[in-house]
């Protein structure tokens, strides 16, 4: 689903082994340039980076750090050309008018039409509370937490050096990321220095510092039931301890920002799923009733139908639209897609 308020400058995909890499460069109506890179693996797991491009050097930094830089060189070259052509002749002015107060910016998240606008508002809040670079990720995990790898998909809103996430994903650091592990099983904000890293030479410290990322605040947020976790990591602007203290004093605002960013993504996913599945009002009501613990008789009462009609008509239509054979599977899939709520 692409918002009509954006202009796509280039959109192309490449198959590299079992991995499908999709690259899209677009510009919002406010003049923000965004690159969206999705890696879709053969097993269906996907990782998407959403990166703001303020200068041509940002695009170069992102492209040269790509693990498939040579294979994708032609695509990145075209993106660079189209990015330069799209820039105003007299230099770039501030593209988005962002609110000055952090609370005002947080309230504005729900009205954002694009992830470019999200980046701008998140930057406003984080700068106001004394933060430096940041990353917000939406991640969905499988229900089985016993495996060594249980990501289903992750989407990263990148407010740091563009090359960092390329390196992070290419080296599979997400598999043992202490911040992700903390966020999966906790809801309280914390400072990263309290997360046990086991080694003083852990990549989080050594490689992170090389990219301007230091100790900071982690604010995890969760949606009920469907395994979606939002993780906001805000680095202090310097490695000085007092910089982290200032961030920690504003943890309530950072937690509120994380919650709004997660809500925005959930709402967008629900809207996209609703358009794709095209459930009727009665079908949505039936799914919601079942999800809340009701049965076919409760659905029949709410719709004014017989139980037989519910089974033979309503449930069968739902199963067909969701591509499953059993109504229980339809409810589970509807929950994953965000079509039903608690």
Protein backbone atom coordinates (compact mmCIF):
# COMPACT_ATOMS: atom_id res chain seq x y z
CA UNK A 1 0.00 0.00 0.00
CA UNK A 2 1.67 3.22 -1.21
CA UNK A 3 0.35 6.56 -0.01
CA UNK A 4 -0.70 8.93 -2.80
CA UNK A 5 1.29 11.62 -0.99
CA UNK A 6 4.62 10.11 -2.11
CA UNK A 7 6.40 10.13 -5.45
CA UNK A 8 8.36 6.99 -6.23
CA UNK A 9 11.70 7.89 -7.80
CA UNK A 10 12.88 4.33 -8.34
CA UNK A 11 11.54 0.89 -7.46
CA UNK A 12 13.34 -2.32 -8.42
CA UNK A 13 13.96 -5.82 -7.09
CA UNK A 14 16.71 -8.40 -7.56
CA UNK A 15 16.84 -12.11 -6.81
CA UNK A 16 20.12 -13.00 -5.09
CA UNK A 17 20.26 -16.71 -4.32
CA UNK A 18 17.20 -17.53 -2.22
CA UNK A 19 16.81 -13.91 -1.15
CA UNK A 20 14.65 -11.28 -2.83
CA UNK A 21 15.96 -7.74 -2.31
CA UNK A 22 13.56 -4.88 -3.08
CA UNK A 23 14.75 -1.28 -3.15
CA UNK A 24 12.49 1.76 -3.39
CA UNK A 25 13.48 5.41 -3.28
CA UNK A 26 10.63 7.83 -2.84
CA UNK A 27 9.98 11.43 -1.93
CA UNK A 28 7.11 12.67 0.21
CA UNK A 29 5.03 15.70 -0.62
CA UNK A 30 7.01 17.56 2.05
CA UNK A 31 10.26 16.86 0.20
CA UNK A 32 11.62 14.09 2.41
CA UNK A 33 13.62 11.43 0.58
CA UNK A 34 13.31 7.89 1.93
CA UNK A 35 14.93 4.63 0.89
CA UNK A 36 13.08 1.42 1.69
CA UNK A 37 15.09 -1.81 1.46
CA UNK A 38 13.36 -5.14 2.02
CA UNK A 39 15.14 -8.47 2.20
CA UNK A 40 12.72 -11.38 1.79
CA UNK A 41 14.32 -14.73 2.52
CA UNK A 42 13.34 -18.04 1.03
CA UNK A 43 11.64 -19.09 4.27
CA UNK A 44 9.37 -16.03 4.19
CA UNK A 45 11.20 -14.04 6.89
CA UNK A 46 11.64 -10.39 5.93
CA UNK A 47 13.70 -7.46 7.15
CA UNK A 48 12.92 -3.93 5.98
CA UNK A 49 14.98 -0.80 6.55
CA UNK A 50 13.40 2.65 6.26
CA UNK A 51 16.13 5.27 6.03
CA UNK A 52 15.92 9.03 5.59
CA UNK A 53 18.27 10.41 2.93
CA UNK A 54 19.25 14.02 3.63
CA UNK A 55 22.32 14.17 1.39
CA UNK A 56 23.75 12.16 -1.48
CA UNK A 57 26.44 11.01 0.94
CA UNK A 58 23.77 9.21 2.99
CA UNK A 59 22.75 7.18 -0.04
CA UNK A 60 26.39 6.38 -0.76
CA UNK A 61 26.92 5.29 2.87
CA UNK A 62 23.89 3.02 2.69
CA UNK A 63 24.80 1.54 -0.71
CA UNK A 64 28.45 0.80 0.04
CA UNK A 65 27.51 -0.98 3.28
CA UNK A 66 25.04 -3.25 1.49
CA UNK A 67 26.27 -6.87 1.65
CA UNK A 68 25.19 -7.19 -2.00
CA UNK A 69 26.68 -3.85 -3.06
CA UNK A 70 28.31 -5.25 -6.21
CA UNK A 71 25.20 -7.14 -7.31
CA UNK A 72 23.02 -4.08 -6.69
CA UNK A 73 25.47 -1.48 -8.02
CA UNK A 74 23.37 -0.66 -11.09
CA UNK A 75 20.22 -0.11 -9.01
CA UNK A 76 21.98 2.09 -6.50
CA UNK A 77 23.56 4.09 -9.33
CA UNK A 78 20.13 4.77 -10.81
CA UNK A 79 18.80 5.73 -7.38
CA UNK A 80 21.64 8.19 -6.90
CA UNK A 81 20.98 9.75 -10.30
CA UNK A 82 17.25 10.13 -9.64
CA UNK A 83 17.85 11.44 -6.13
CA UNK A 84 20.13 14.19 -7.44
CA UNK A 85 17.67 15.08 -10.21
CA UNK A 86 14.84 15.41 -7.68
CA UNK A 87 16.63 17.92 -5.47
CA UNK A 88 15.74 21.65 -5.65
CA UNK A 89 18.16 23.76 -7.67
CA UNK A 90 18.86 26.22 -4.86
CA UNK A 91 19.71 23.66 -2.19
CA UNK A 92 17.46 21.93 0.24
CA UNK A 93 15.30 23.67 2.77
CA UNK A 94 13.66 22.10 5.77
CA UNK A 95 11.10 19.77 4.26
CA UNK A 96 8.79 19.22 7.19
CA UNK A 97 7.51 21.69 9.72
CA UNK A 98 7.88 19.73 12.92
CA UNK A 99 6.37 20.80 16.24
CA UNK A 100 8.84 22.23 18.71
CA UNK A 101 7.48 20.64 21.89
CA UNK A 102 8.01 16.89 22.35
CA UNK A 103 4.45 16.23 23.54
CA UNK A 104 3.03 18.02 20.51
CA UNK A 105 5.21 15.90 18.25
CA UNK A 106 4.14 12.68 20.00
CA UNK A 107 0.47 13.63 19.57
CA UNK A 108 1.17 14.19 15.86
CA UNK A 109 2.39 10.64 15.22
CA UNK A 110 -1.12 9.27 14.63
CA UNK A 111 -1.69 11.80 11.81
CA UNK A 112 1.47 10.84 9.91
CA UNK A 113 0.86 9.56 6.39
CA UNK A 114 4.36 8.24 5.71
CA UNK A 115 7.30 6.80 7.58
CA UNK A 116 9.28 9.83 6.47
CA UNK A 117 6.99 11.95 8.63
CA UNK A 118 7.45 9.48 11.48
CA UNK A 119 11.22 9.89 11.25
CA UNK A 120 10.92 13.67 11.39
CA UNK A 121 8.62 13.70 14.43
CA UNK A 122 10.62 11.04 16.26
CA UNK A 123 13.76 13.10 15.68
CA UNK A 124 12.01 16.17 17.11
CA UNK A 125 11.11 14.34 20.33
CA UNK A 126 14.48 12.69 20.75
CA UNK A 127 16.45 15.87 20.15
CA UNK A 128 14.25 17.75 22.63
CA UNK A 129 14.98 15.25 25.42
CA UNK A 130 18.72 15.24 24.80
CA UNK A 131 19.03 12.15 22.64
CA UNK A 132 21.33 11.40 19.74
CA UNK A 133 20.78 8.78 17.07
CA UNK A 134 17.96 6.26 17.36
CA UNK A 135 16.35 3.16 15.89
CA UNK A 136 12.76 2.01 16.23
CA UNK A 137 11.89 -1.49 15.14
CA UNK A 138 8.59 -3.27 14.70
CA UNK A 139 9.21 -7.02 15.00
CA UNK A 140 6.86 -9.96 14.80
CA UNK A 141 7.91 -13.25 16.34
CA UNK A 142 6.66 -16.80 15.98
CA UNK A 143 4.69 -18.29 18.86
CA UNK A 144 7.38 -20.92 19.47
CA UNK A 145 10.03 -19.27 21.62
CA UNK A 146 12.18 -22.39 21.96
CA UNK A 147 13.96 -22.12 18.61
CA UNK A 148 17.19 -20.24 18.05
CA UNK A 149 15.55 -18.14 15.34
CA UNK A 150 11.95 -17.03 15.62
CA UNK A 151 11.71 -13.71 13.79
CA UNK A 152 8.87 -13.57 11.29
CA UNK A 153 9.50 -10.05 10.08
CA UNK A 154 11.10 -6.84 11.27
CA UNK A 155 10.83 -3.28 10.04
CA UNK A 156 13.38 -0.68 11.13
CA UNK A 157 12.87 3.08 11.28
CA UNK A 158 16.48 4.22 11.05
CA UNK A 159 17.49 7.47 12.71
CA UNK A 160 21.23 6.81 12.71
CA UNK A 161 24.05 6.42 10.22
CA UNK A 162 22.54 4.57 7.22
CA UNK A 163 25.30 1.95 7.08
CA UNK A 164 24.70 0.69 10.64
CA UNK A 165 21.59 -1.41 9.95
CA UNK A 166 23.15 -2.86 6.80
CA UNK A 167 26.01 -4.19 8.91
CA UNK A 168 23.71 -5.25 11.75
CA UNK A 169 21.53 -7.38 9.48
CA UNK A 170 24.32 -8.72 7.27
CA UNK A 171 26.23 -10.04 10.28
CA UNK A 172 23.06 -11.53 11.83
CA UNK A 173 23.53 -9.54 15.02
CA UNK A 174 19.77 -9.53 15.53
CA UNK A 175 20.09 -13.20 16.45
CA UNK A 176 21.87 -12.36 19.71
CA UNK A 177 21.00 -8.71 20.21
CA UNK A 178 20.79 -8.11 23.99
CA UNK A 179 18.43 -5.17 23.45
CA UNK A 180 15.97 -7.33 21.50
CA UNK A 181 16.18 -10.09 24.09
CA UNK A 182 15.45 -7.62 26.86
CA UNK A 183 12.56 -6.02 24.97
CA UNK A 184 10.87 -9.32 24.15
CA UNK A 185 10.31 -10.23 27.77
CA UNK A 186 10.10 -6.85 29.52
CA UNK A 187 7.87 -3.79 29.35
CA UNK A 188 9.84 -1.36 31.51
CA UNK A 189 12.27 1.11 29.94
CA UNK A 190 15.90 0.61 30.91
CA UNK A 191 19.34 2.00 30.18
CA UNK A 192 21.51 -0.18 27.99
CA UNK A 193 24.31 -0.24 30.56
CA UNK A 194 22.02 -2.39 32.74
CA UNK A 195 21.62 -5.03 30.05
CA UNK A 196 24.17 -7.79 30.58
CA UNK A 197 26.44 -8.04 27.53
CA UNK A 198 28.72 -10.80 28.91
CA UNK A 199 31.82 -9.31 27.24
CA UNK A 200 33.37 -5.85 27.25
CA UNK A 201 34.23 -6.28 23.56
CA UNK A 202 30.63 -7.08 22.55
CA UNK A 203 29.76 -5.73 19.11
CA UNK A 204 27.03 -3.56 20.65
CA UNK A 205 29.77 -1.52 22.33
CA UNK A 206 32.69 -1.68 19.91
CA UNK A 207 30.93 -1.51 16.54
CA UNK A 208 28.15 0.69 17.85
CA UNK A 209 30.62 3.32 19.03
CA UNK A 210 32.24 3.34 15.59
CA UNK A 211 28.86 4.38 14.18
CA UNK A 212 28.12 7.02 16.83
CA UNK A 213 25.87 4.80 18.97
CA UNK A 214 26.50 4.81 22.71
CA UNK A 215 24.73 3.69 25.85
CA UNK A 216 21.22 5.08 26.02
CA UNK A 217 17.62 4.19 26.78
CA UNK A 218 15.57 1.23 25.52
CA UNK A 219 11.77 1.53 25.61
CA UNK A 220 9.94 -1.71 24.70
CA UNK A 221 6.23 -1.76 23.86
CA UNK A 222 4.00 -4.74 23.09
CA UNK A 223 0.69 -5.53 21.44
CA UNK A 224 -1.46 -8.19 23.13
CA UNK A 225 -1.55 -11.65 21.69
CA UNK A 226 -0.07 -11.44 18.21
CA UNK A 227 3.63 -11.27 19.03
CA UNK A 228 4.35 -7.76 17.75
CA UNK A 229 7.01 -5.89 19.71
CA UNK A 230 8.11 -2.31 19.26
CA UNK A 231 11.61 -1.42 20.43
CA UNK A 232 12.85 2.15 20.66
CA UNK A 233 16.59 2.51 21.24
CA UNK A 234 17.84 6.06 21.76
CA UNK A 235 21.57 6.62 22.02
CA UNK A 236 23.07 9.37 24.12
CA UNK A 237 24.73 11.97 21.85
CA UNK A 238 28.10 11.37 23.55
CA UNK A 239 29.64 8.55 25.61
CA UNK A 240 29.57 10.73 28.74
CA UNK A 241 27.49 9.20 31.61
CA UNK A 242 25.62 12.46 32.27
CA UNK A 243 24.16 12.33 28.74
CA UNK A 244 22.46 9.01 29.56
CA UNK A 245 21.17 10.44 32.85
CA UNK A 246 19.37 13.23 30.98
CA UNK A 247 17.78 10.69 28.64
CA UNK A 248 16.66 8.51 31.54
CA UNK A 249 14.97 11.48 33.19
CA UNK A 250 12.78 11.69 30.07
CA UNK A 251 11.96 7.98 29.87
CA UNK A 252 8.22 8.66 30.15
CA UNK A 253 8.28 10.71 26.95
CA UNK A 254 10.39 8.10 25.18
CA UNK A 255 8.00 5.36 26.23
CA UNK A 256 5.06 7.41 24.96
CA UNK A 257 6.87 7.92 21.65
CA UNK A 258 7.51 4.18 21.34
CA UNK A 259 3.85 3.39 22.04
CA UNK A 260 2.63 5.85 19.40
CA UNK A 261 5.07 4.48 16.82
CA UNK A 262 3.87 0.94 17.50
CA UNK A 263 0.21 1.98 17.33
CA UNK A 264 0.84 3.71 14.00
CA UNK A 265 2.35 0.60 12.48
CA UNK A 266 -0.41 -1.66 13.81
CA UNK A 267 -3.05 0.69 12.39
CA UNK A 268 -1.33 0.75 8.98
CA UNK A 269 -1.03 -3.05 8.94
CA UNK A 270 -4.69 -3.42 9.88
CA UNK A 271 -5.76 -1.02 7.13
CA UNK A 272 -3.68 -2.88 4.54
CA UNK A 273 -5.01 -6.27 5.67
CA UNK A 274 -8.60 -4.99 5.64
CA UNK A 275 -8.23 -3.77 2.06
CA UNK A 276 -6.65 -7.04 0.92
CA UNK A 277 -9.03 -9.44 2.68
CA UNK A 278 -12.17 -7.34 2.12
CA UNK A 279 -14.25 -8.73 4.99
CA UNK A 280 -17.87 -7.64 5.29
CA UNK A 281 -19.15 -6.08 8.51
CA UNK A 282 -20.90 -9.32 9.46
CA UNK A 283 -17.75 -11.36 8.83
CA UNK A 284 -15.67 -8.97 10.91
CA UNK A 285 -18.23 -9.14 13.72
CA UNK A 286 -18.17 -12.93 13.58
CA UNK A 287 -14.38 -13.04 13.82
CA UNK A 288 -14.34 -10.55 16.66
CA UNK A 289 -16.97 -12.56 18.56
CA UNK A 290 -15.00 -15.79 18.15
CA UNK A 291 -11.77 -14.07 19.11
CA UNK A 292 -13.42 -12.81 22.30
CA UNK A 293 -14.33 -16.36 23.33
CA UNK A 294 -17.77 -16.70 21.79
CA UNK A 295 -19.02 -19.57 19.66
CA UNK A 296 -21.24 -20.07 16.63
CA UNK A 297 -24.39 -19.57 18.72
CA UNK A 298 -23.13 -16.19 19.93
CA UNK A 299 -22.34 -15.16 16.36
CA UNK A 300 -25.83 -16.28 15.29
CA UNK A 301 -27.46 -14.21 18.05
CA UNK A 302 -25.49 -11.09 17.18
CA UNK A 303 -26.22 -11.40 13.46
CA UNK A 304 -29.82 -12.56 13.79
CA UNK A 305 -29.12 -15.76 11.86
CA UNK A 306 -29.44 -19.46 12.52
CA UNK A 307 -26.43 -21.41 13.73
CA UNK A 308 -26.67 -23.52 10.57
CA UNK A 309 -26.39 -20.39 8.38
CA UNK A 310 -23.41 -19.17 10.39
CA UNK A 311 -21.56 -22.43 9.83
CA UNK A 312 -22.50 -22.92 6.19
CA UNK A 313 -22.32 -19.32 4.99
CA UNK A 314 -20.50 -16.89 7.29
CA UNK A 315 -17.71 -19.22 8.42
CA UNK A 316 -17.15 -20.64 4.94
CA UNK A 317 -16.85 -17.17 3.42
CA UNK A 318 -14.38 -16.15 6.12
CA UNK A 319 -12.28 -19.27 5.57
CA UNK A 320 -12.21 -18.66 1.83
CA UNK A 321 -11.15 -15.03 2.15
CA UNK A 322 -8.40 -15.84 4.63
CA UNK A 323 -7.20 -18.90 2.72
CA UNK A 324 -7.70 -21.46 5.48
CA UNK A 325 -9.90 -24.53 6.01
CA UNK A 326 -10.96 -24.15 9.64
CA UNK A 327 -12.58 -21.22 11.38
CA UNK A 328 -10.15 -21.52 14.29
CA UNK A 329 -7.27 -21.00 11.86
CA UNK A 330 -9.13 -18.02 10.40
CA UNK A 331 -9.39 -16.40 13.83
CA UNK A 332 -5.67 -16.97 14.46
CA UNK A 333 -4.74 -15.48 11.09
CA UNK A 334 -7.06 -12.53 11.61
CA UNK A 335 -5.30 -11.85 14.91
CA UNK A 336 -1.88 -11.94 13.25
CA UNK A 337 -3.08 -9.51 10.60
CA UNK A 338 -4.57 -7.17 13.18
CA UNK A 339 -8.12 -7.65 11.88
CA UNK A 340 -9.42 -8.39 15.38
CA UNK A 341 -8.53 -6.66 18.62
CA UNK A 342 -8.64 -7.41 22.31
